[in-house]
Amino acid sequence: MPTLVGAAMIAAAILLSTLITAIGSRYVGFESPTEESAWLVDRLTGAVYRCQAAGRGRASCEAEIATGSVGERQRR
C-alpha cells in the first residue's frame, strides 16, 4: 500500500508540473518586419493577435483571422 501512495504522489507531481509549464508558455510572440507591431499566438486556442504600441507602456492587441496553412517540408 505505501508503494501505491508514493506512486500516486509522484504521478500527481508530474501532472502538476506539466500543467504549470503549459500555462506558463501559452502565448508565443513573433516580431514583425517593422517595429510597429508584433504577433501574439495563443497556443491553447490557436487565436492570433496583432499587437501595437504607440510608445512605452501597454500594447493594444486585436484578434486577426488567419487563413491558409503551413506547407509541408520537403523531404530529401
N, C-alpha and C. Protein backbone atom coordinates (compact mmCIF):
# COMPACT_ATOMS: atom_id res chain seq x y z
N MET A 1 0.81 -1.20 0.00
CA MET A 1 0.00 0.00 0.00
C MET A 1 0.86 1.27 0.00
N PRO A 2 1.95 1.35 0.79
CA PRO A 2 2.78 2.55 0.75
C PRO A 2 3.38 2.81 -0.63
N THR A 3 3.61 1.74 -1.39
CA THR A 3 4.15 1.90 -2.74
C THR A 3 3.15 2.59 -3.64
N LEU A 4 1.89 2.25 -3.52
CA LEU A 4 0.86 2.88 -4.33
C LEU A 4 0.68 4.35 -3.97
N VAL A 5 0.77 4.68 -2.71
CA VAL A 5 0.66 6.08 -2.28
C VAL A 5 1.83 6.88 -2.83
N GLY A 6 3.02 6.33 -2.77
CA GLY A 6 4.20 7.01 -3.31
C GLY A 6 4.10 7.20 -4.82
N ALA A 7 3.63 6.18 -5.52
CA ALA A 7 3.48 6.29 -6.97
C ALA A 7 2.42 7.32 -7.33
N ALA A 8 1.34 7.39 -6.56
CA ALA A 8 0.29 8.39 -6.81
C ALA A 8 0.83 9.80 -6.57
N MET A 9 1.66 9.97 -5.55
CA MET A 9 2.24 11.30 -5.28
C MET A 9 3.19 11.73 -6.40
N ILE A 10 3.97 10.81 -6.90
CA ILE A 10 4.88 11.12 -8.00
C ILE A 10 4.09 11.46 -9.26
N ALA A 11 3.05 10.69 -9.55
CA ALA A 11 2.23 10.96 -10.74
C ALA A 11 1.55 12.33 -10.63
N ALA A 12 1.05 12.66 -9.43
CA ALA A 12 0.40 13.96 -9.23
C ALA A 12 1.40 15.09 -9.42
N ALA A 13 2.63 14.92 -8.94
CA ALA A 13 3.66 15.95 -9.10
C ALA A 13 4.02 16.15 -10.56
N ILE A 14 4.11 15.08 -11.32
CA ILE A 14 4.42 15.18 -12.75
C ILE A 14 3.30 15.89 -13.50
N LEU A 15 2.06 15.53 -13.21
CA LEU A 15 0.93 16.18 -13.86
C LEU A 15 0.84 17.66 -13.51
N LEU A 16 1.08 18.00 -12.26
CA LEU A 16 1.05 19.39 -11.84
C LEU A 16 2.15 20.21 -12.51
N SER A 17 3.34 19.66 -12.61
CA SER A 17 4.43 20.40 -13.26
C SER A 17 4.16 20.57 -14.75
N THR A 18 3.55 19.59 -15.39
CA THR A 18 3.19 19.70 -16.80
C THR A 18 2.14 20.79 -17.01
N LEU A 19 1.16 20.85 -16.12
CA LEU A 19 0.12 21.87 -16.20
C LEU A 19 0.70 23.27 -16.04
N ILE A 20 1.58 23.44 -15.08
CA ILE A 20 2.21 24.74 -14.86
C ILE A 20 3.05 25.15 -16.05
N THR A 21 3.77 24.23 -16.65
CA THR A 21 4.57 24.53 -17.83
C THR A 21 3.69 24.92 -19.01
N ALA A 22 2.59 24.22 -19.20
CA ALA A 22 1.68 24.52 -20.32
C ALA A 22 1.05 25.89 -20.16
N ILE A 23 0.65 26.25 -18.96
CA ILE A 23 0.04 27.55 -18.74
C ILE A 23 1.08 28.66 -18.87
N GLY A 24 2.28 28.42 -18.43
CA GLY A 24 3.33 29.43 -18.49
C GLY A 24 3.79 29.74 -19.90
N SER A 25 3.67 28.80 -20.81
CA SER A 25 4.12 29.02 -22.19
C SER A 25 2.93 29.02 -23.15
N ARG A 26 1.80 29.55 -22.70
CA ARG A 26 0.59 29.53 -23.52
C ARG A 26 0.71 30.45 -24.73
N TYR A 27 1.33 31.59 -24.57
CA TYR A 27 1.42 32.57 -25.65
C TYR A 27 2.83 32.58 -26.23
N VAL A 28 2.90 32.72 -27.55
CA VAL A 28 4.18 32.83 -28.25
C VAL A 28 4.14 34.13 -29.05
N GLY A 29 5.18 34.93 -28.95
CA GLY A 29 5.22 36.19 -29.66
C GLY A 29 6.19 36.16 -30.82
N PHE A 30 5.83 36.86 -31.90
CA PHE A 30 6.68 36.97 -33.08
C PHE A 30 6.80 38.44 -33.45
N GLU A 31 8.00 38.87 -33.75
CA GLU A 31 8.18 40.24 -34.21
C GLU A 31 7.83 40.33 -35.68
N SER A 32 7.32 41.47 -36.08
CA SER A 32 7.03 41.69 -37.49
C SER A 32 8.23 42.38 -38.13
N PRO A 33 8.30 42.42 -39.44
CA PRO A 33 9.43 43.07 -40.10
C PRO A 33 9.55 44.56 -39.73
N THR A 34 8.44 45.18 -39.44
CA THR A 34 8.50 46.58 -38.99
C THR A 34 8.42 46.61 -37.47
N GLU A 35 8.85 47.68 -36.89
CA GLU A 35 8.83 47.78 -35.43
C GLU A 35 7.49 48.29 -34.91
N GLU A 36 6.51 48.43 -35.80
CA GLU A 36 5.23 48.99 -35.40
C GLU A 36 4.32 47.97 -34.71
N SER A 37 4.47 46.71 -35.02
CA SER A 37 3.57 45.72 -34.44
C SER A 37 4.30 44.39 -34.21
N ALA A 38 3.64 43.54 -33.44
CA ALA A 38 4.13 42.19 -33.19
C ALA A 38 2.93 41.26 -33.21
N TRP A 39 3.17 39.98 -33.39
CA TRP A 39 2.11 39.00 -33.44
C TRP A 39 2.18 38.13 -32.20
N LEU A 40 1.03 37.83 -31.62
CA LEU A 40 0.93 37.00 -30.44
C LEU A 40 0.01 35.83 -30.76
N VAL A 41 0.47 34.61 -30.53
CA VAL A 41 -0.31 33.41 -30.84
C VAL A 41 -0.64 32.69 -29.54
N ASP A 42 -1.93 32.42 -29.35
CA ASP A 42 -2.39 31.64 -28.20
C ASP A 42 -2.29 30.18 -28.59
N ARG A 43 -1.34 29.47 -28.00
CA ARG A 43 -1.12 28.08 -28.38
C ARG A 43 -2.23 27.15 -27.94
N LEU A 44 -3.02 27.57 -26.96
CA LEU A 44 -4.10 26.72 -26.48
C LEU A 44 -5.31 26.77 -27.42
N THR A 45 -5.69 27.94 -27.87
CA THR A 45 -6.87 28.09 -28.73
C THR A 45 -6.53 28.28 -30.20
N GLY A 46 -5.30 28.68 -30.51
CA GLY A 46 -4.91 28.93 -31.88
C GLY A 46 -5.23 30.33 -32.36
N ALA A 47 -5.71 31.19 -31.47
CA ALA A 47 -6.05 32.56 -31.84
C ALA A 47 -4.78 33.36 -32.11
N VAL A 48 -4.86 34.25 -33.11
CA VAL A 48 -3.72 35.08 -33.49
C VAL A 48 -4.09 36.53 -33.22
N TYR A 49 -3.20 37.26 -32.56
CA TYR A 49 -3.43 38.66 -32.23
C TYR A 49 -2.32 39.52 -32.80
N ARG A 50 -2.70 40.69 -33.33
CA ARG A 50 -1.70 41.66 -33.78
C ARG A 50 -1.67 42.76 -32.73
N CYS A 51 -0.50 42.97 -32.14
CA CYS A 51 -0.35 43.93 -31.05
C CYS A 51 0.44 45.13 -31.54
N GLN A 52 -0.04 46.32 -31.14
CA GLN A 52 0.63 47.57 -31.49
C GLN A 52 0.79 48.41 -30.24
N ALA A 53 1.91 49.08 -30.13
CA ALA A 53 2.15 50.01 -29.02
C ALA A 53 2.59 51.33 -29.60
N ALA A 54 1.88 52.38 -29.25
CA ALA A 54 2.22 53.72 -29.75
C ALA A 54 3.52 54.22 -29.13
N GLY A 55 3.80 53.84 -27.97
CA GLY A 55 5.03 54.25 -27.28
C GLY A 55 5.31 53.26 -26.17
N ARG A 56 5.94 53.71 -25.13
CA ARG A 56 6.20 52.84 -23.99
C ARG A 56 4.90 52.58 -23.25
N GLY A 57 4.79 51.43 -22.68
CA GLY A 57 3.59 51.10 -21.92
C GLY A 57 2.85 49.92 -22.52
N ARG A 58 1.62 49.85 -22.18
CA ARG A 58 0.79 48.72 -22.58
C ARG A 58 0.43 48.76 -24.07
N ALA A 59 0.47 47.59 -24.70
CA ALA A 59 0.12 47.48 -26.12
C ALA A 59 -1.34 47.11 -26.26
N SER A 60 -1.92 47.50 -27.37
CA SER A 60 -3.30 47.08 -27.67
C SER A 60 -3.24 45.95 -28.69
N CYS A 61 -4.00 44.89 -28.42
CA CYS A 61 -3.98 43.72 -29.29
C CYS A 61 -5.38 43.48 -29.84
N GLU A 62 -5.44 43.21 -31.14
CA GLU A 62 -6.70 42.91 -31.81
C GLU A 62 -6.60 41.53 -32.44
N ALA A 63 -7.69 40.79 -32.34
CA ALA A 63 -7.72 39.45 -32.94
C ALA A 63 -7.69 39.56 -34.45
N GLU A 64 -6.93 38.72 -35.07
CA GLU A 64 -6.83 38.66 -36.54
C GLU A 64 -7.31 37.29 -36.99
N ILE A 65 -7.90 37.25 -38.16
CA ILE A 65 -8.31 35.97 -38.74
C ILE A 65 -7.19 35.49 -39.64
N ALA A 66 -6.63 34.34 -39.30
CA ALA A 66 -5.54 33.78 -40.08
C ALA A 66 -6.11 32.70 -40.99
N THR A 67 -5.79 32.78 -42.25
CA THR A 67 -6.25 31.77 -43.20
C THR A 67 -5.06 31.07 -43.80
N GLY A 68 -5.30 29.94 -44.38
CA GLY A 68 -4.22 29.20 -45.02
C GLY A 68 -3.67 28.16 -44.07
N SER A 69 -2.60 27.54 -44.48
CA SER A 69 -1.98 26.52 -43.66
C SER A 69 -0.48 26.55 -43.91
N VAL A 70 0.21 25.89 -43.02
CA VAL A 70 1.66 25.78 -43.15
C VAL A 70 1.95 24.63 -44.08
N GLY A 71 2.74 24.89 -45.09
CA GLY A 71 3.08 23.85 -46.05
C GLY A 71 3.98 22.78 -45.45
N GLU A 72 3.92 21.62 -46.02
CA GLU A 72 4.77 20.54 -45.52
C GLU A 72 6.20 20.75 -45.98
N ARG A 73 7.11 20.31 -45.15
CA ARG A 73 8.52 20.39 -45.51
C ARG A 73 8.85 19.32 -46.53
N GLN A 74 9.68 19.68 -47.48
CA GLN A 74 10.07 18.70 -48.49
C GLN A 74 11.11 17.77 -47.91
N ARG A 75 10.93 16.52 -48.16
CA ARG A 75 11.86 15.50 -47.64
C ARG A 75 12.97 15.30 -48.65
N ARG A 76 14.15 15.14 -48.16
CA ARG A 76 15.31 14.93 -49.03
C ARG A 76 15.99 13.64 -48.70
